Amino acid sequence: MAQVPKALPFSEDFVVVASGVVEISLGLGLLLLRRQRVPIGLIAATFFVAVFLGNISQYLNGASAFGLDTDTKRFAR
């Protein structure tokens, strides 16, 4: 939840659960829908870039979680 940007209009719990559902769905899609791997892969790549913005938010807001309790550790992540 520390990585969820405060600017999102959804609760942190919803964002965490929804992103988990999307991640699992994309993984299953890559495993089970072999003919659709390229488009699913592109969607997954886009999703993970969007999720990476949470890491940037965590650094900019100085939110500690997962042992990331200094700016140096948050930046390195």
Protein backbone atom coordinates (compact mmCIF):
# COMPACT_ATOMS: atom_id res chain seq x y z
CA MET A 1 0.00 0.00 0.00
CA ALA A 2 2.99 2.26 0.46
CA GLN A 3 3.45 2.32 -3.32
CA VAL A 4 -0.09 3.40 -4.15
CA PRO A 5 0.04 7.05 -5.24
CA LYS A 6 -2.11 9.31 -3.09
CA ALA A 7 -3.49 11.01 -6.22
CA LEU A 8 -5.48 7.94 -7.28
CA PRO A 9 -9.21 8.31 -6.63
CA PHE A 10 -9.50 4.75 -5.25
CA SER A 11 -8.77 3.25 -1.84
CA GLU A 12 -5.32 1.75 -1.39
CA ASP A 13 -6.85 -1.65 -0.62
CA PHE A 14 -8.82 -1.62 -3.87
CA VAL A 15 -5.76 -0.69 -5.93
CA VAL A 16 -3.64 -3.44 -4.34
CA VAL A 17 -6.31 -6.13 -4.84
CA ALA A 18 -7.20 -4.98 -8.36
CA SER A 19 -3.56 -4.87 -9.47
CA GLY A 20 -3.06 -8.37 -8.06
CA VAL A 21 -6.06 -9.67 -10.00
CA VAL A 22 -4.71 -8.05 -13.18
CA GLU A 23 -1.24 -9.54 -12.62
CA ILE A 24 -2.63 -13.04 -12.10
CA SER A 25 -4.92 -12.67 -15.14
CA LEU A 26 -2.06 -11.54 -17.35
CA GLY A 27 0.12 -14.42 -16.15
CA LEU A 28 -2.63 -16.94 -16.84
CA GLY A 29 -3.26 -15.36 -20.21
CA LEU A 30 0.41 -15.73 -21.14
CA LEU A 31 0.36 -19.37 -20.05
CA LEU A 32 -2.96 -20.45 -21.50
CA LEU A 33 -3.58 -18.28 -24.55
CA ARG A 34 -0.52 -19.12 -26.60
CA ARG A 35 -1.85 -17.57 -29.81
CA GLN A 36 -2.37 -14.27 -28.02
CA ARG A 37 1.03 -14.08 -26.32
CA VAL A 38 2.26 -11.01 -28.19
CA PRO A 39 -0.73 -8.76 -27.46
CA ILE A 40 -0.97 -10.04 -23.88
CA GLY A 41 2.76 -9.49 -23.47
CA LEU A 42 2.42 -5.91 -24.68
CA ILE A 43 -0.45 -5.32 -22.28
CA ALA A 44 1.61 -6.84 -19.46
CA ALA A 45 4.58 -4.63 -20.28
CA THR A 46 2.36 -1.55 -20.27
CA PHE A 47 0.78 -2.63 -16.98
CA PHE A 48 4.17 -3.14 -15.31
CA VAL A 49 5.38 0.28 -16.47
CA ALA A 50 2.24 1.79 -14.94
CA VAL A 51 2.79 -0.14 -11.70
CA PHE A 52 6.40 1.07 -11.63
CA LEU A 53 5.03 4.56 -11.14
CA GLY A 54 4.10 3.34 -7.65
CA ASN A 55 7.79 2.84 -6.91
CA ILE A 56 8.46 6.41 -7.98
CA SER A 57 5.60 7.62 -5.79
CA GLN A 58 6.98 5.68 -2.84
CA TYR A 59 10.36 7.37 -3.28
CA LEU A 60 8.95 10.86 -3.78
CA ASN A 61 6.63 10.56 -0.76
CA GLY A 62 9.22 8.91 1.48
CA ALA A 63 6.87 6.04 2.31
CA SER A 64 8.58 3.21 4.20
CA ALA A 65 7.59 -0.39 3.50
CA PHE A 66 9.18 -3.75 2.68
CA GLY A 67 12.43 -2.72 4.42
CA LEU A 68 12.67 0.38 2.23
CA ASP A 69 13.18 2.80 5.10
CA THR A 70 15.67 5.24 3.57
CA ASP A 71 15.62 7.36 0.44
CA THR A 72 18.70 5.50 -0.82
CA LYS A 73 16.94 2.13 -0.55
CA ARG A 74 13.74 3.47 -2.12
CA PHE A 75 15.71 5.03 -5.00
CA ALA A 76 17.69 1.84 -5.62
CA ARG A 77 14.50 -0.14 -5.90
